[in-house]
């Protein structure tokens, strides 16, 4: 897949996303790659760290991999007591 085809696929996938909060999160990720100032934190990652971050982002797009906020907060409260 060439660069142009890849961009077209990304735009097509973005057009399928309906939730505003998901779009905002993806915008922030794209900003990090496209607009972050040189020397920003993302530029300090090793190639292995970058691949791991990319994989985590892809995994977070699958709702089955997510934990509801309320559940996380309950676990956090239990640990702090």
PDB file of N, CA and C in Angstrom:
ATOM      1  N   UNK A   1       0.851  -1.170   0.000  1.00  0.00           N
ATOM      2  CA  UNK A   1       0.000   0.000   0.000  1.00  0.00           C
ATOM      3  C   UNK A   1       0.902   1.241   0.000  1.00  0.00           C
ATOM      4  N   UNK A   2       0.655   2.125  -0.927  1.00  0.00           N
ATOM      5  CA  UNK A   2       1.478   3.343  -0.977  1.00  0.00           C
ATOM      6  C   UNK A   2       0.914   4.396  -0.008  1.00  0.00           C
ATOM      7  N   UNK A   3       1.626   5.497   0.094  1.00  0.00           N
ATOM      8  CA  UNK A   3       1.275   6.556   1.049  1.00  0.00           C
ATOM      9  C   UNK A   3      -0.128   7.124   0.787  1.00  0.00           C
ATOM     10  N   UNK A   4      -0.436   7.375  -0.473  1.00  0.00           N
ATOM     11  CA  UNK A   4      -1.739   7.946  -0.823  1.00  0.00           C
ATOM     12  C   UNK A   4      -2.873   6.984  -0.468  1.00  0.00           C
ATOM     13  N   UNK A   5      -2.702   5.706  -0.780  1.00  0.00           N
ATOM     14  CA  UNK A   5      -3.728   4.712  -0.461  1.00  0.00           C
ATOM     15  C   UNK A   5      -3.911   4.578   1.054  1.00  0.00           C
ATOM     16  N   UNK A   6      -2.813   4.640   1.785  1.00  0.00           N
ATOM     17  CA  UNK A   6      -2.882   4.548   3.237  1.00  0.00           C
ATOM     18  C   UNK A   6      -3.656   5.728   3.825  1.00  0.00           C
ATOM     19  N   UNK A   7      -3.380   6.925   3.326  1.00  0.00           N
ATOM     20  CA  UNK A   7      -4.118   8.102   3.786  1.00  0.00           C
ATOM     21  C   UNK A   7      -5.605   7.969   3.475  1.00  0.00           C
ATOM     22  N   UNK A   8      -5.929   7.479   2.292  1.00  0.00           N
ATOM     23  CA  UNK A   8      -7.334   7.308   1.917  1.00  0.00           C
ATOM     24  C   UNK A   8      -8.024   6.300   2.833  1.00  0.00           C
ATOM     25  N   UNK A   9      -7.312   5.234   3.199  1.00  0.00           N
ATOM     26  CA  UNK A   9      -7.883   4.238   4.105  1.00  0.00           C
ATOM     27  C   UNK A   9      -8.130   4.848   5.488  1.00  0.00           C
ATOM     28  N   UNK A  10      -7.192   5.648   5.969  1.00  0.00           N
ATOM     29  CA  UNK A  10      -7.352   6.301   7.268  1.00  0.00           C
ATOM     30  C   UNK A  10      -8.562   7.229   7.255  1.00  0.00           C
ATOM     31  N   UNK A  11      -8.696   8.026   6.210  1.00  0.00           N
ATOM     32  CA  UNK A  11      -9.832   8.944   6.106  1.00  0.00           C
ATOM     33  C   UNK A  11     -11.135   8.154   6.064  1.00  0.00           C
ATOM     34  N   UNK A  12     -11.162   7.061   5.343  1.00  0.00           N
ATOM     35  CA  UNK A  12     -12.362   6.234   5.266  1.00  0.00           C
ATOM     36  C   UNK A  12     -12.724   5.685   6.645  1.00  0.00           C
ATOM     37  N   UNK A  13     -11.729   5.222   7.385  1.00  0.00           N
ATOM     38  CA  UNK A  13     -11.986   4.713   8.734  1.00  0.00           C
ATOM     39  C   UNK A  13     -12.497   5.821   9.649  1.00  0.00           C
ATOM     40  N   UNK A  14     -11.901   6.997   9.553  1.00  0.00           N
ATOM     41  CA  UNK A  14     -12.343   8.125  10.374  1.00  0.00           C
ATOM     42  C   UNK A  14     -13.789   8.500  10.080  1.00  0.00           C
ATOM     43  N   UNK A  15     -14.175   8.416   8.829  1.00  0.00           N
ATOM     44  CA  UNK A  15     -15.549   8.754   8.455  1.00  0.00           C
ATOM     45  C   UNK A  15     -16.570   7.808   9.078  1.00  0.00           C
ATOM     46  N   UNK A  16     -16.145   6.612   9.467  1.00  0.00           N
ATOM     47  CA  UNK A  16     -17.048   5.640  10.089  1.00  0.00           C
ATOM     48  C   UNK A  16     -17.216   5.866  11.590  1.00  0.00           C
ATOM     49  N   UNK A  17     -16.366   6.685  12.196  1.00  0.00           N
ATOM     50  CA  UNK A  17     -16.441   6.919  13.641  1.00  0.00           C
ATOM     51  C   UNK A  17     -17.506   7.974  13.911  1.00  0.00           C
ATOM     52  N   UNK A  18     -18.412   7.659  14.816  1.00  0.00           N
ATOM     53  CA  UNK A  18     -19.537   8.549  15.095  1.00  0.00           C
ATOM     54  C   UNK A  18     -19.393   9.319  16.411  1.00  0.00           C
ATOM     55  N   UNK A  19     -18.692   8.752  17.391  1.00  0.00           N
ATOM     56  CA  UNK A  19     -18.615   9.374  18.709  1.00  0.00           C
ATOM     57  C   UNK A  19     -17.606  10.517  18.723  1.00  0.00           C
ATOM     58  N   UNK A  20     -18.058  11.667  19.223  1.00  0.00           N
ATOM     59  CA  UNK A  20     -17.207  12.852  19.256  1.00  0.00           C
ATOM     60  C   UNK A  20     -15.956  12.629  20.098  1.00  0.00           C
ATOM     61  N   UNK A  21     -16.089  11.980  21.261  1.00  0.00           N
ATOM     62  CA  UNK A  21     -14.929  11.790  22.132  1.00  0.00           C
ATOM     63  C   UNK A  21     -13.880  10.899  21.486  1.00  0.00           C
ATOM     64  N   UNK A  22     -14.305   9.922  20.699  1.00  0.00           N
ATOM     65  CA  UNK A  22     -13.349   9.067  19.989  1.00  0.00           C
ATOM     66  C   UNK A  22     -12.621   9.868  18.909  1.00  0.00           C
ATOM     67  N   UNK A  23     -13.367  10.720  18.212  1.00  0.00           N
ATOM     68  CA  UNK A  23     -12.746  11.565  17.190  1.00  0.00           C
ATOM     69  C   UNK A  23     -11.747  12.537  17.816  1.00  0.00           C
ATOM     70  N   UNK A  24     -12.088  13.092  18.967  1.00  0.00           N
ATOM     71  CA  UNK A  24     -11.168  14.022  19.638  1.00  0.00           C
ATOM     72  C   UNK A  24      -9.881  13.312  20.049  1.00  0.00           C
ATOM     73  N   UNK A  25     -10.019  12.079  20.560  1.00  0.00           N
ATOM     74  CA  UNK A  25      -8.843  11.318  20.962  1.00  0.00           C
ATOM     75  C   UNK A  25      -7.946  11.025  19.755  1.00  0.00           C
ATOM     76  N   UNK A  26      -8.558  10.642  18.651  1.00  0.00           N
ATOM     77  CA  UNK A  26      -7.780  10.363  17.447  1.00  0.00           C
ATOM     78  C   UNK A  26      -7.126  11.625  16.896  1.00  0.00           C
ATOM     79  N   UNK A  27      -7.829  12.754  16.992  1.00  0.00           N
ATOM     80  CA  UNK A  27      -7.240  14.019  16.569  1.00  0.00           C
ATOM     81  C   UNK A  27      -5.986  14.313  17.383  1.00  0.00           C
ATOM     82  N   UNK A  28      -6.067  14.073  18.686  1.00  0.00           N
ATOM     83  CA  UNK A  28      -4.917  14.328  19.548  1.00  0.00           C
ATOM     84  C   UNK A  28      -3.743  13.422  19.193  1.00  0.00           C
ATOM     85  N   UNK A  29      -4.038  12.168  18.891  1.00  0.00           N
ATOM     86  CA  UNK A  29      -2.974  11.244  18.482  1.00  0.00           C
ATOM     87  C   UNK A  29      -2.363  11.706  17.164  1.00  0.00           C
ATOM     88  N   UNK A  30      -3.203  12.065  16.206  1.00  0.00           N
ATOM     89  CA  UNK A  30      -2.698  12.528  14.913  1.00  0.00           C
ATOM     90  C   UNK A  30      -1.883  13.800  15.076  1.00  0.00           C
ATOM     91  N   UNK A  31      -2.316  14.700  15.950  1.00  0.00           N
ATOM     92  CA  UNK A  31      -1.574  15.935  16.198  1.00  0.00           C
ATOM     93  C   UNK A  31      -0.174  15.614  16.701  1.00  0.00           C
ATOM     94  N   UNK A  32      -0.094  14.631  17.594  1.00  0.00           N
ATOM     95  CA  UNK A  32       1.204  14.251  18.143  1.00  0.00           C
ATOM     96  C   UNK A  32       2.162  13.841  17.033  1.00  0.00           C
ATOM     97  N   UNK A  33       1.658  13.120  16.059  1.00  0.00           N
ATOM     98  CA  UNK A  33       2.511  12.655  14.964  1.00  0.00           C
ATOM     99  C   UNK A  33       2.790  13.758  13.937  1.00  0.00           C
ATOM    100  N   UNK A  34       1.796  14.574  13.663  1.00  0.00           N
ATOM    101  CA  UNK A  34       1.911  15.515  12.550  1.00  0.00           C
ATOM    102  C   UNK A  34       2.343  16.915  12.942  1.00  0.00           C
ATOM    103  N   UNK A  35       1.997  17.354  14.147  1.00  0.00           N
ATOM    104  CA  UNK A  35       2.198  18.759  14.484  1.00  0.00           C
ATOM    105  C   UNK A  35       3.030  19.005  15.746  1.00  0.00           C
ATOM    106  N   UNK A  36       3.336  17.950  16.479  1.00  0.00           N
ATOM    107  CA  UNK A  36       4.093  18.143  17.725  1.00  0.00           C
ATOM    108  C   UNK A  36       5.420  18.822  17.415  1.00  0.00           C
ATOM    109  N   UNK A  37       5.823  19.768  18.262  1.00  0.00           N
ATOM    110  CA  UNK A  37       7.103  20.436  18.032  1.00  0.00           C
ATOM    111  C   UNK A  37       8.244  19.437  18.010  1.00  0.00           C
ATOM    112  N   UNK A  38       9.228  19.718  17.211  1.00  0.00           N
ATOM    113  CA  UNK A  38      10.414  18.862  17.164  1.00  0.00           C
ATOM    114  C   UNK A  38      10.973  18.750  18.569  1.00  0.00           C
ATOM    115  N   UNK A  39      11.352  17.556  18.938  1.00  0.00           N
ATOM    116  CA  UNK A  39      11.876  17.349  20.277  1.00  0.00           C
ATOM    117  C   UNK A  39      10.799  17.070  21.305  1.00  0.00           C
ATOM    118  N   UNK A  40       9.514  17.000  20.870  1.00  0.00           N
ATOM    119  CA  UNK A  40       8.432  16.681  21.790  1.00  0.00           C
ATOM    120  C   UNK A  40       8.596  15.271  22.331  1.00  0.00           C
ATOM    121  N   UNK A  41       7.789  14.929  23.330  1.00  0.00           N
ATOM    122  CA  UNK A  41       7.964  13.629  23.994  1.00  0.00           C
ATOM    123  C   UNK A  41       7.861  12.453  23.029  1.00  0.00           C
ATOM    124  N   UNK A  42       6.999  12.534  22.034  1.00  0.00           N
ATOM    125  CA  UNK A  42       6.845  11.412  21.105  1.00  0.00           C
ATOM    126  C   UNK A  42       8.120  11.168  20.304  1.00  0.00           C
ATOM    127  N   UNK A  43       8.891  12.219  20.095  1.00  0.00           N
ATOM    128  CA  UNK A  43      10.130  12.082  19.330  1.00  0.00           C
ATOM    129  C   UNK A  43      11.259  11.471  20.153  1.00  0.00           C
ATOM    130  N   UNK A  44      11.038  11.311  21.452  1.00  0.00           N
ATOM    131  CA  UNK A  44      12.083  10.736  22.303  1.00  0.00           C
ATOM    132  C   UNK A  44      11.937   9.228  22.446  1.00  0.00           C
ATOM    133  N   UNK A  45      10.873   8.656  21.898  1.00  0.00           N
ATOM    134  CA  UNK A  45      10.647   7.224  22.024  1.00  0.00           C
ATOM    135  C   UNK A  45      11.562   6.438  21.095  1.00  0.00           C
ATOM    136  N   UNK A  46      12.007   5.307  21.590  1.00  0.00           N
ATOM    137  CA  UNK A  46      12.785   4.395  20.743  1.00  0.00           C
ATOM    138  C   UNK A  46      11.826   3.763  19.739  1.00  0.00           C
ATOM    139  N   UNK A  47      12.354   3.170  18.664  1.00  0.00           N
ATOM    140  CA  UNK A  47      11.457   2.498  17.710  1.00  0.00           C
ATOM    141  C   UNK A  47      10.601   1.426  18.383  1.00  0.00           C
ATOM    142  N   UNK A  48      11.152   0.687  19.336  1.00  0.00           N
ATOM    143  CA  UNK A  48      10.380  -0.346  20.035  1.00  0.00           C
ATOM    144  C   UNK A  48       9.270   0.292  20.865  1.00  0.00           C
ATOM    145  N   UNK A  49       9.571   1.392  21.551  1.00  0.00           N
ATOM    146  CA  UNK A  49       8.554   2.088  22.340  1.00  0.00           C
ATOM    147  C   UNK A  49       7.469   2.652  21.439  1.00  0.00           C
ATOM    148  N   UNK A  50       7.856   3.182  20.291  1.00  0.00           N
ATOM    149  CA  UNK A  50       6.880   3.730  19.350  1.00  0.00           C
ATOM    150  C   UNK A  50       5.952   2.640  18.844  1.00  0.00           C
ATOM    151  N   UNK A  51       6.520   1.463  18.518  1.00  0.00           N
ATOM    152  CA  UNK A  51       5.687   0.341  18.062  1.00  0.00           C
ATOM    153  C   UNK A  51       4.722  -0.091  19.167  1.00  0.00           C
ATOM    154  N   UNK A  52       5.206  -0.138  20.406  1.00  0.00           N
ATOM    155  CA  UNK A  52       4.349  -0.520  21.525  1.00  0.00           C
ATOM    156  C   UNK A  52       3.219   0.493  21.726  1.00  0.00           C
ATOM    157  N   UNK A  53       3.544   1.778  21.632  1.00  0.00           N
ATOM    158  CA  UNK A  53       2.529   2.824  21.748  1.00  0.00           C
ATOM    159  C   UNK A  53       1.500   2.699  20.629  1.00  0.00           C
ATOM    160  N   UNK A  54       1.980   2.497  19.405  1.00  0.00           N
ATOM    161  CA  UNK A  54       1.071   2.347  18.266  1.00  0.00           C
ATOM    162  C   UNK A  54       0.129   1.160  18.469  1.00  0.00           C
ATOM    163  N   UNK A  55       0.675   0.048  18.952  1.00  0.00           N
ATOM    164  CA  UNK A  55      -0.145  -1.142  19.195  1.00  0.00           C
ATOM    165  C   UNK A  55      -1.171  -0.868  20.289  1.00  0.00           C
ATOM    166  N   UNK A  56      -0.777  -0.176  21.331  1.00  0.00           N
ATOM    167  CA  UNK A  56      -1.715   0.162  22.416  1.00  0.00           C
ATOM    168  C   UNK A  56      -2.857   1.031  21.900  1.00  0.00           C
ATOM    169  N   UNK A  57      -2.522   1.967  21.040  1.00  0.00           N
ATOM    170  CA  UNK A  57      -3.554   2.835  20.462  1.00  0.00           C
ATOM    171  C   UNK A  57      -4.523   2.008  19.626  1.00  0.00           C
ATOM    172  N   UNK A  58      -3.979   1.103  18.792  1.00  0.00           N
ATOM    173  CA  UNK A  58      -4.848   0.251  17.974  1.00  0.00           C
ATOM    174  C   UNK A  58      -5.749  -0.613  18.868  1.00  0.00           C
ATOM    175  N   UNK A  59      -5.177  -1.188  19.932  1.00  0.00           N
ATOM    176  CA  UNK A  59      -5.962  -2.025  20.834  1.00  0.00           C
ATOM    177  C   UNK A  59      -7.058  -1.222  21.531  1.00  0.00           C
ATOM    178  N   UNK A  60      -6.789   0.032  21.828  1.00  0.00           N
ATOM    179  CA  UNK A  60      -7.781   0.846  22.528  1.00  0.00           C
ATOM    180  C   UNK A  60      -8.973   1.198  21.641  1.00  0.00           C
ATOM    181  N   UNK A  61      -8.858   0.991  20.356  1.00  0.00           N
ATOM    182  CA  UNK A  61      -9.971   1.262  19.446  1.00  0.00           C
ATOM    183  C   UNK A  61     -11.020   0.158  19.502  1.00  0.00           C
ATOM    184  N   UNK A  62     -10.664  -0.994  20.090  1.00  0.00           N
ATOM    185  CA  UNK A  62     -11.598  -2.105  20.206  1.00  0.00           C
ATOM    186  C   UNK A  62     -12.307  -1.993  21.554  1.00  0.00           C
ATOM    187  N   UNK A  63     -13.612  -1.728  21.564  1.00  0.00           N
ATOM    188  CA  UNK A  63     -14.340  -1.562  22.824  1.00  0.00           C
ATOM    189  C   UNK A  63     -14.203  -2.764  23.763  1.00  0.00           C
ATOM    190  N   UNK A  64     -13.980  -3.950  23.220  1.00  0.00           N
ATOM    191  CA  UNK A  64     -13.832  -5.143  24.061  1.00  0.00           C
ATOM    192  C   UNK A  64     -12.579  -5.063  24.932  1.00  0.00           C
ATOM    193  N   UNK A  65     -11.620  -4.236  24.553  1.00  0.00           N
ATOM    194  CA  UNK A  65     -10.379  -4.100  25.317  1.00  0.00           C
ATOM    195  C   UNK A  65     -10.448  -3.019  26.387  1.00  0.00           C
ATOM    196  N   UNK A  66     -11.549  -2.303  26.442  1.00  0.00           N
ATOM    197  CA  UNK A  66     -11.645  -1.164  27.356  1.00  0.00           C
ATOM    198  C   UNK A  66     -12.335  -1.542  28.661  1.00  0.00           C
ATOM    199  N   UNK A  67     -11.971  -0.848  29.726  1.00  0.00           N
ATOM    200  CA  UNK A  67     -12.583  -1.034  31.043  1.00  0.00           C
ATOM    201  C   UNK A  67     -13.353   0.250  31.354  1.00  0.00           C
ATOM    202  N   UNK A  68     -14.622   0.122  31.758  1.00  0.00           N
ATOM    203  CA  UNK A  68     -15.403   1.322  32.075  1.00  0.00           C
ATOM    204  C   UNK A  68     -14.737   2.144  33.171  1.00  0.00           C
ATOM    205  N   UNK A  69     -14.859   3.446  33.057  1.00  0.00           N
ATOM    206  CA  UNK A  69     -14.252   4.376  34.011  1.00  0.00           C
ATOM    207  C   UNK A  69     -14.662   4.054  35.447  1.00  0.00           C
ATOM    208  N   UNK A  70     -15.925   3.762  35.646  1.00  0.00           N
ATOM    209  CA  UNK A  70     -16.426   3.472  36.993  1.00  0.00           C
ATOM    210  C   UNK A  70     -15.702   2.277  37.597  1.00  0.00           C
ATOM    211  N   UNK A  71     -15.457   1.258  36.792  1.00  0.00           N
ATOM    212  CA  UNK A  71     -14.766   0.058  37.279  1.00  0.00           C
ATOM    213  C   UNK A  71     -13.318   0.377  37.668  1.00  0.00           C
ATOM    214  N   UNK A  72     -12.660   1.167  36.870  1.00  0.00           N
ATOM    215  CA  UNK A  72     -11.288   1.568  37.180  1.00  0.00           C
ATOM    216  C   UNK A  72     -11.252   2.359  38.485  1.00  0.00           C
ATOM    217  N   UNK A  73     -12.198   3.261  38.655  1.00  0.00           N
ATOM    218  CA  UNK A  73     -12.237   4.071  39.871  1.00  0.00           C
ATOM    219  C   UNK A  73     -12.494   3.206  41.103  1.00  0.00           C
ATOM    220  N   UNK A  74     -13.360   2.207  40.992  1.00  0.00           N
ATOM    221  CA  UNK A  74     -13.617   1.307  42.126  1.00  0.00           C
ATOM    222  C   UNK A  74     -12.330   0.583  42.518  1.00  0.00           C
ATOM    223  N   UNK A  75     -11.597   0.080  41.529  1.00  0.00           N
ATOM    224  CA  UNK A  75     -10.348  -0.625  41.817  1.00  0.00           C
ATOM    225  C   UNK A  75      -9.326   0.323  42.439  1.00  0.00           C
ATOM    226  N   UNK A  76      -9.286   1.542  41.953  1.00  0.00           N
ATOM    227  CA  UNK A  76      -8.346   2.534  42.487  1.00  0.00           C
ATOM    228  C   UNK A  76      -8.681   2.851  43.937  1.00  0.00           C
ATOM    229  N   UNK A  77      -9.952   3.016  44.236  1.00  0.00           N
ATOM    230  CA  UNK A  77     -10.372   3.305  45.614  1.00  0.00           C
ATOM    231  C   UNK A  77     -10.007   2.166  46.561  1.00  0.00           C
ATOM    232  N   UNK A  78     -10.196   0.929  46.091  1.00  0.00           N
ATOM    233  CA  UNK A  78      -9.885  -0.235  46.923  1.00  0.00           C
ATOM    234  C   UNK A  78      -8.381  -0.273  47.240  1.00  0.00           C
ATOM    235  N   UNK A  79      -7.561   0.062  46.274  1.00  0.00           N
ATOM    236  CA  UNK A  79      -6.104   0.031  46.483  1.00  0.00           C
ATOM    237  C   UNK A  79      -5.640   1.120  47.445  1.00  0.00           C
ATOM    238  N   UNK A  80      -6.339   2.234  47.467  1.00  0.00           N
ATOM    239  CA  UNK A  80      -5.903   3.345  48.311  1.00  0.00           C
ATOM    240  C   UNK A  80      -6.378   3.223  49.753  1.00  0.00           C
ATOM    241  N   UNK A  81      -7.195   2.211  50.050  1.00  0.00           N
ATOM    242  CA  UNK A  81      -7.659   2.051  51.434  1.00  0.00           C
ATOM    243  C   UNK A  81      -6.939   0.928  52.134  1.00  0.00           C
TER     244      UNK A  81
END
